[in-house]
Amino acid sequence: MSLRRLHPEQPASFAFNAENKACCDQWIAKYPAGRQASAVIALLWIGQEQEGWVTKAMIEQVGRMLDMPYIRVLEVATFYTMFNLAPVGKHLVQVCTTTPCWLRGSDDIVAACKKQIAPTPRTVSADGKFSWMEVECLGACVNAPMLQIGKDFYEDLDGPMTEKLLEAFRRGETPKPGPQNGRHSSEPAGGATTLKERTS
């Protein structure tokens, strides 16, 4: 497992906006007195949704809100890879390179990201719109290879389709998630082969 540390350049402060503060309060209220630390993952996630990444100031604020030592919150943030410990682009592209996707051509997806975004993972593109990273299984093996952008999954990709997808995001469009090769859901690539006729 790779070593995960906070980014060396950190903002001076952090505060939840009013909407997110109310959401944090709801999460904290779900736990009995003395057990508020159970909301730590939820609060870090809310903070990341607001800022795009988890900062030192955010960790300290979450610690104060939950009456947790700073180091305990830091342990959670650095353990779970869903937390970004460095700035990310407006669109975070997560490329699955686990065996099923790799066998189906995820190397071409990675190459498209290197060409369209940045040569190295976790680097924000020059225009600030993208960053990309390799991740473990995203759970759509039957539609491999695939990637995740934000909360959406794009499946059945190849290199050229990935480039078109990224170009669409760069133009401000939001392509329809799901298979990108025309198939419906995870049916066979050539279309349904069974249960095509109704029986009485």
C-alpha atoms as a PDB file:
ATOM      1  CA  MET A   1       0.000   0.000   0.000  1.00  0.00           C
ATOM      2  CA  SER A   2       1.328   3.428  -0.909  1.00  0.00           C
ATOM      3  CA  LEU A   3       2.152   5.971   1.764  1.00  0.00           C
ATOM      4  CA  ARG A   4      -0.557   8.618   2.026  1.00  0.00           C
ATOM      5  CA  ARG A   5       0.366  12.043   3.344  1.00  0.00           C
ATOM      6  CA  LEU A   6      -1.285  15.451   3.335  1.00  0.00           C
ATOM      7  CA  HIS A   7      -0.280  17.744   0.487  1.00  0.00           C
ATOM      8  CA  PRO A   8       2.614  20.045   1.482  1.00  0.00           C
ATOM      9  CA  GLU A   9       0.759  23.188   0.378  1.00  0.00           C
ATOM     10  CA  GLN A  10      -2.274  23.801   2.574  1.00  0.00           C
ATOM     11  CA  PRO A  11      -4.927  26.529   2.799  1.00  0.00           C
ATOM     12  CA  ALA A  12      -4.833  28.627   5.955  1.00  0.00           C
ATOM     13  CA  SER A  13      -8.387  27.852   7.068  1.00  0.00           C
ATOM     14  CA  PHE A  14     -11.527  25.848   6.418  1.00  0.00           C
ATOM     15  CA  ALA A  15     -15.180  26.265   7.294  1.00  0.00           C
ATOM     16  CA  PHE A  16     -18.245  24.298   6.256  1.00  0.00           C
ATOM     17  CA  ASN A  17     -20.769  26.407   4.365  1.00  0.00           C
ATOM     18  CA  ALA A  18     -24.190  26.813   5.999  1.00  0.00           C
ATOM     19  CA  GLU A  19     -25.824  23.965   4.081  1.00  0.00           C
ATOM     20  CA  ASN A  20     -23.012  21.523   4.768  1.00  0.00           C
ATOM     21  CA  LYS A  21     -22.768  22.581   8.418  1.00  0.00           C
ATOM     22  CA  ALA A  22     -26.448  21.700   8.824  1.00  0.00           C
ATOM     23  CA  CYS A  23     -25.784  18.334   7.158  1.00  0.00           C
ATOM     24  CA  CYS A  24     -22.873  17.718   9.540  1.00  0.00           C
ATOM     25  CA  ASP A  25     -25.081  18.532  12.516  1.00  0.00           C
ATOM     26  CA  GLN A  26     -27.635  15.968  11.283  1.00  0.00           C
ATOM     27  CA  TRP A  27     -24.952  13.292  11.095  1.00  0.00           C
ATOM     28  CA  ILE A  28     -23.587  14.123  14.527  1.00  0.00           C
ATOM     29  CA  ALA A  29     -27.100  13.958  16.023  1.00  0.00           C
ATOM     30  CA  LYS A  30     -27.475  10.360  14.847  1.00  0.00           C
ATOM     31  CA  TYR A  31     -25.058   9.156  17.510  1.00  0.00           C
ATOM     32  CA  PRO A  32     -25.497   9.134  21.298  1.00  0.00           C
ATOM     33  CA  ALA A  33     -23.488  11.393  23.574  1.00  0.00           C
ATOM     34  CA  GLY A  34     -19.863  10.366  23.662  1.00  0.00           C
ATOM     35  CA  ARG A  35     -20.083   8.528  20.347  1.00  0.00           C
ATOM     36  CA  GLN A  36     -20.000  11.489  17.941  1.00  0.00           C
ATOM     37  CA  ALA A  37     -16.654  10.309  16.548  1.00  0.00           C
ATOM     38  CA  SER A  38     -18.666   7.743  14.595  1.00  0.00           C
ATOM     39  CA  ALA A  39     -19.603  10.565  12.217  1.00  0.00           C
ATOM     40  CA  VAL A  40     -15.994  11.229  11.204  1.00  0.00           C
ATOM     41  CA  ILE A  41     -16.185   9.587   7.762  1.00  0.00           C
ATOM     42  CA  ALA A  42     -19.429  11.383   6.944  1.00  0.00           C
ATOM     43  CA  LEU A  43     -18.012  14.783   7.938  1.00  0.00           C
ATOM     44  CA  LEU A  44     -14.793  14.272   5.996  1.00  0.00           C
ATOM     45  CA  TRP A  45     -16.832  13.254   2.953  1.00  0.00           C
ATOM     46  CA  ILE A  46     -19.046  16.332   3.234  1.00  0.00           C
ATOM     47  CA  GLY A  47     -15.924  18.483   3.489  1.00  0.00           C
ATOM     48  CA  GLN A  48     -14.378  16.814   0.461  1.00  0.00           C
ATOM     49  CA  GLU A  49     -17.575  17.303  -1.526  1.00  0.00           C
ATOM     50  CA  GLN A  50     -17.351  21.004  -0.692  1.00  0.00           C
ATOM     51  CA  GLU A  51     -13.634  21.553  -1.355  1.00  0.00           C
ATOM     52  CA  GLY A  52     -12.686  18.686  -3.669  1.00  0.00           C
ATOM     53  CA  TRP A  53     -10.022  17.403  -1.281  1.00  0.00           C
ATOM     54  CA  VAL A  54      -9.304  16.936   2.417  1.00  0.00           C
ATOM     55  CA  THR A  55      -7.093  19.630   3.944  1.00  0.00           C
ATOM     56  CA  LYS A  56      -5.250  19.891   7.262  1.00  0.00           C
ATOM     57  CA  ALA A  57      -7.553  22.728   8.329  1.00  0.00           C
ATOM     58  CA  MET A  58     -10.588  20.589   7.472  1.00  0.00           C
ATOM     59  CA  ILE A  59      -9.247  17.688   9.540  1.00  0.00           C
ATOM     60  CA  GLU A  60      -8.702  20.012  12.484  1.00  0.00           C
ATOM     61  CA  GLN A  61     -12.214  21.450  12.143  1.00  0.00           C
ATOM     62  CA  VAL A  62     -13.759  17.979  12.024  1.00  0.00           C
ATOM     63  CA  GLY A  63     -11.732  17.045  15.111  1.00  0.00           C
ATOM     64  CA  ARG A  64     -13.094  20.060  16.990  1.00  0.00           C
ATOM     65  CA  MET A  65     -16.677  19.319  15.926  1.00  0.00           C
ATOM     66  CA  LEU A  66     -16.430  15.688  17.058  1.00  0.00           C
ATOM     67  CA  ASP A  67     -14.191  16.280  20.092  1.00  0.00           C
ATOM     68  CA  MET A  68     -11.579  14.003  18.499  1.00  0.00           C
ATOM     69  CA  PRO A  69      -7.808  14.403  18.614  1.00  0.00           C
ATOM     70  CA  TYR A  70      -6.471  15.709  15.307  1.00  0.00           C
ATOM     71  CA  ILE A  71      -4.309  12.598  14.824  1.00  0.00           C
ATOM     72  CA  ARG A  72      -7.380  10.313  14.989  1.00  0.00           C
ATOM     73  CA  VAL A  73      -9.116  12.228  12.204  1.00  0.00           C
ATOM     74  CA  LEU A  74      -5.866  12.228  10.210  1.00  0.00           C
ATOM     75  CA  GLU A  75      -5.657   8.434  10.611  1.00  0.00           C
ATOM     76  CA  VAL A  76      -9.099   8.052   9.051  1.00  0.00           C
ATOM     77  CA  ALA A  77      -8.378  10.465   6.200  1.00  0.00           C
ATOM     78  CA  THR A  78      -5.080   8.799   5.298  1.00  0.00           C
ATOM     79  CA  PHE A  79      -6.410   5.239   5.617  1.00  0.00           C
ATOM     80  CA  TYR A  80      -9.359   5.478   3.235  1.00  0.00           C
ATOM     81  CA  THR A  81      -8.329   6.041  -0.382  1.00  0.00           C
ATOM     82  CA  MET A  82     -11.690   7.635  -1.181  1.00  0.00           C
ATOM     83  CA  PHE A  83     -10.330  10.774   0.468  1.00  0.00           C
ATOM     84  CA  ASN A  84      -8.211  13.001  -1.774  1.00  0.00           C
ATOM     85  CA  LEU A  85      -5.261  14.384   0.162  1.00  0.00           C
ATOM     86  CA  ALA A  86      -4.177  16.781  -2.599  1.00  0.00           C
ATOM     87  CA  PRO A  87      -6.020  19.209  -4.875  1.00  0.00           C
ATOM     88  CA  VAL A  88      -7.952  17.645  -7.747  1.00  0.00           C
ATOM     89  CA  GLY A  89      -9.377  19.059 -10.946  1.00  0.00           C
ATOM     90  CA  LYS A  90     -13.011  20.017 -11.366  1.00  0.00           C
ATOM     91  CA  HIS A  91     -13.536  16.548 -12.868  1.00  0.00           C
ATOM     92  CA  LEU A  92     -11.734  13.718 -11.070  1.00  0.00           C
ATOM     93  CA  VAL A  93     -11.260  10.805 -13.479  1.00  0.00           C
ATOM     94  CA  GLN A  94     -10.765   7.436 -11.782  1.00  0.00           C
ATOM     95  CA  VAL A  95      -9.609   4.709 -14.154  1.00  0.00           C
ATOM     96  CA  CYS A  96     -10.116   1.094 -13.147  1.00  0.00           C
ATOM     97  CA  THR A  97      -6.995  -0.949 -13.928  1.00  0.00           C
ATOM     98  CA  THR A  98      -7.907  -4.126 -12.052  1.00  0.00           C
ATOM     99  CA  THR A  99      -7.560  -7.396 -13.984  1.00  0.00           C
ATOM    100  CA  PRO A 100     -10.933  -7.493 -15.877  1.00  0.00           C
ATOM    101  CA  CYS A 101     -10.527  -3.901 -17.078  1.00  0.00           C
ATOM    102  CA  TRP A 102      -6.832  -4.435 -17.835  1.00  0.00           C
ATOM    103  CA  LEU A 103      -7.616  -7.524 -19.929  1.00  0.00           C
ATOM    104  CA  ARG A 104     -10.204  -5.499 -21.866  1.00  0.00           C
ATOM    105  CA  GLY A 105      -7.881  -2.570 -22.614  1.00  0.00           C
ATOM    106  CA  SER A 106      -7.620  -0.216 -19.635  1.00  0.00           C
ATOM    107  CA  ASP A 107      -4.064   0.606 -20.773  1.00  0.00           C
ATOM    108  CA  ASP A 108      -5.676   2.515 -23.661  1.00  0.00           C
ATOM    109  CA  ILE A 109      -7.858   4.435 -21.186  1.00  0.00           C
ATOM    110  CA  VAL A 110      -4.781   5.359 -19.148  1.00  0.00           C
ATOM    111  CA  ALA A 111      -2.985   6.466 -22.328  1.00  0.00           C
ATOM    112  CA  ALA A 112      -5.935   8.712 -23.245  1.00  0.00           C
ATOM    113  CA  CYS A 113      -5.831  10.306 -19.778  1.00  0.00           C
ATOM    114  CA  LYS A 114      -2.090  10.884 -20.061  1.00  0.00           C
ATOM    115  CA  LYS A 115      -2.645  12.551 -23.430  1.00  0.00           C
ATOM    116  CA  GLN A 116      -5.733  14.613 -22.566  1.00  0.00           C
ATOM    117  CA  ILE A 117      -5.099  15.466 -18.891  1.00  0.00           C
ATOM    118  CA  ALA A 118      -1.514  15.066 -17.665  1.00  0.00           C
ATOM    119  CA  PRO A 119       1.326  12.568 -18.142  1.00  0.00           C
ATOM    120  CA  THR A 120       1.319  11.589 -14.475  1.00  0.00           C
ATOM    121  CA  PRO A 121      -1.622  10.610 -12.278  1.00  0.00           C
ATOM    122  CA  ARG A 122      -2.887  12.929  -9.520  1.00  0.00           C
ATOM    123  CA  THR A 123      -1.716  15.966 -11.499  1.00  0.00           C
ATOM    124  CA  VAL A 124      -4.250  18.729 -12.156  1.00  0.00           C
ATOM    125  CA  SER A 125      -4.476  19.629 -15.842  1.00  0.00           C
ATOM    126  CA  ALA A 126      -3.213  23.028 -16.978  1.00  0.00           C
ATOM    127  CA  ASP A 127      -6.774  24.353 -17.301  1.00  0.00           C
ATOM    128  CA  GLY A 128      -7.712  23.067 -13.825  1.00  0.00           C
ATOM    129  CA  LYS A 129     -10.582  21.017 -15.207  1.00  0.00           C
ATOM    130  CA  PHE A 130      -9.210  17.503 -14.763  1.00  0.00           C
ATOM    131  CA  SER A 131      -7.055  15.201 -12.759  1.00  0.00           C
ATOM    132  CA  TRP A 132      -6.873  11.435 -13.070  1.00  0.00           C
ATOM    133  CA  MET A 133      -5.804   8.425 -11.061  1.00  0.00           C
ATOM    134  CA  GLU A 134      -5.739   4.644 -11.269  1.00  0.00           C
ATOM    135  CA  VAL A 135      -8.065   2.831  -8.864  1.00  0.00           C
ATOM    136  CA  GLU A 136      -9.000  -0.698  -7.947  1.00  0.00           C
ATOM    137  CA  CYS A 137     -12.240  -2.388  -9.029  1.00  0.00           C
ATOM    138  CA  LEU A 138     -15.173  -0.033  -9.570  1.00  0.00           C
ATOM    139  CA  GLY A 139     -17.625  -2.929  -9.797  1.00  0.00           C
ATOM    140  CA  ALA A 140     -18.620  -2.967 -13.476  1.00  0.00           C
ATOM    141  CA  CYS A 141     -16.402  -5.832 -14.644  1.00  0.00           C
ATOM    142  CA  VAL A 142     -18.921  -7.068 -17.184  1.00  0.00           C
ATOM    143  CA  ASN A 143     -18.757  -3.645 -18.857  1.00  0.00           C
ATOM    144  CA  ALA A 144     -14.968  -3.372 -18.755  1.00  0.00           C
ATOM    145  CA  PRO A 145     -12.993  -1.267 -19.314  1.00  0.00           C
ATOM    146  CA  MET A 146     -14.544   1.612 -17.436  1.00  0.00           C
ATOM    147  CA  LEU A 147     -13.869   4.764 -15.470  1.00  0.00           C
ATOM    148  CA  GLN A 148     -15.625   7.035 -13.006  1.00  0.00           C
ATOM    149  CA  ILE A 149     -15.958  10.801 -13.370  1.00  0.00           C
ATOM    150  CA  GLY A 150     -17.430  12.440 -10.301  1.00  0.00           C
ATOM    151  CA  LYS A 151     -20.262  10.134  -9.255  1.00  0.00           C
ATOM    152  CA  ASP A 152     -20.944   8.736 -12.744  1.00  0.00           C
ATOM    153  CA  PHE A 153     -19.635   5.556 -14.353  1.00  0.00           C
ATOM    154  CA  TYR A 154     -18.668   5.336 -18.031  1.00  0.00           C
ATOM    155  CA  GLU A 155     -18.318   1.812 -19.352  1.00  0.00           C
ATOM    156  CA  ASP A 156     -17.379  -0.200 -22.457  1.00  0.00           C
ATOM    157  CA  LEU A 157     -14.665   2.294 -23.363  1.00  0.00           C
ATOM    158  CA  ASP A 158     -11.628   2.318 -25.609  1.00  0.00           C
ATOM    159  CA  GLY A 159      -8.943   4.936 -26.150  1.00  0.00           C
ATOM    160  CA  PRO A 160     -10.744   7.087 -28.766  1.00  0.00           C
ATOM    161  CA  MET A 161     -14.059   6.957 -26.868  1.00  0.00           C
ATOM    162  CA  THR A 162     -12.272   8.092 -23.704  1.00  0.00           C
ATOM    163  CA  GLU A 163     -10.736  11.036 -25.539  1.00  0.00           C
ATOM    164  CA  LYS A 164     -14.160  12.062 -26.894  1.00  0.00           C
ATOM    165  CA  LEU A 165     -15.626  11.743 -23.407  1.00  0.00           C
ATOM    166  CA  LEU A 166     -12.971  14.014 -21.905  1.00  0.00           C
ATOM    167  CA  GLU A 167     -13.330  16.515 -24.742  1.00  0.00           C
ATOM    168  CA  ALA A 168     -17.082  16.689 -24.060  1.00  0.00           C
ATOM    169  CA  PHE A 169     -16.465  17.445 -20.375  1.00  0.00           C
ATOM    170  CA  ARG A 170     -13.911  20.067 -21.378  1.00  0.00           C
ATOM    171  CA  ARG A 171     -16.604  21.773 -23.482  1.00  0.00           C
ATOM    172  CA  GLY A 172     -18.885  21.883 -20.437  1.00  0.00           C
ATOM    173  CA  GLU A 173     -21.121  18.994 -21.520  1.00  0.00           C
ATOM    174  CA  THR A 174     -22.120  16.068 -19.311  1.00  0.00           C
ATOM    175  CA  PRO A 175     -22.216  12.879 -21.395  1.00  0.00           C
ATOM    176  CA  LYS A 176     -24.759  10.236 -20.495  1.00  0.00           C
ATOM    177  CA  PRO A 177     -23.253   7.704 -18.064  1.00  0.00           C
ATOM    178  CA  GLY A 178     -23.275   3.961 -18.688  1.00  0.00           C
ATOM    179  CA  PRO A 179     -22.066   1.886 -21.629  1.00  0.00           C
ATOM    180  CA  GLN A 180     -20.526   4.012 -24.374  1.00  0.00           C
ATOM    181  CA  ASN A 181     -20.642   1.392 -27.131  1.00  0.00           C
ATOM    182  CA  GLY A 182     -24.407   1.346 -27.622  1.00  0.00           C
ATOM    183  CA  ARG A 183     -25.324  -1.690 -25.586  1.00  0.00           C
ATOM    184  CA  HIS A 184     -28.045  -1.525 -22.959  1.00  0.00           C
ATOM    185  CA  SER A 185     -26.893  -2.037 -19.368  1.00  0.00           C
ATOM    186  CA  SER A 186     -24.833  -5.239 -19.172  1.00  0.00           C
ATOM    187  CA  GLU A 187     -26.643  -7.306 -21.775  1.00  0.00           C
ATOM    188  CA  PRO A 188     -24.495  -9.245 -24.269  1.00  0.00           C
ATOM    189  CA  ALA A 189     -22.602  -6.972 -26.660  1.00  0.00           C
ATOM    190  CA  GLY A 190     -24.626  -8.226 -29.620  1.00  0.00           C
ATOM    191  CA  GLY A 191     -27.951  -7.754 -27.865  1.00  0.00           C
ATOM    192  CA  ALA A 192     -30.200 -10.035 -25.831  1.00  0.00           C
ATOM    193  CA  THR A 193     -29.961 -13.738 -26.706  1.00  0.00           C
ATOM    194  CA  THR A 194     -32.422 -15.226 -24.212  1.00  0.00           C
ATOM    195  CA  LEU A 195     -35.890 -14.429 -22.860  1.00  0.00           C
ATOM    196  CA  LYS A 196     -36.740 -12.661 -26.099  1.00  0.00           C
ATOM    197  CA  GLU A 197     -40.182 -14.221 -26.549  1.00  0.00           C
ATOM    198  CA  ARG A 198     -43.110 -14.352 -24.181  1.00  0.00           C
ATOM    199  CA  THR A 199     -44.653 -17.692 -23.413  1.00  0.00           C
ATOM    200  CA  SER A 200     -48.256 -18.132 -22.429  1.00  0.00           C
END
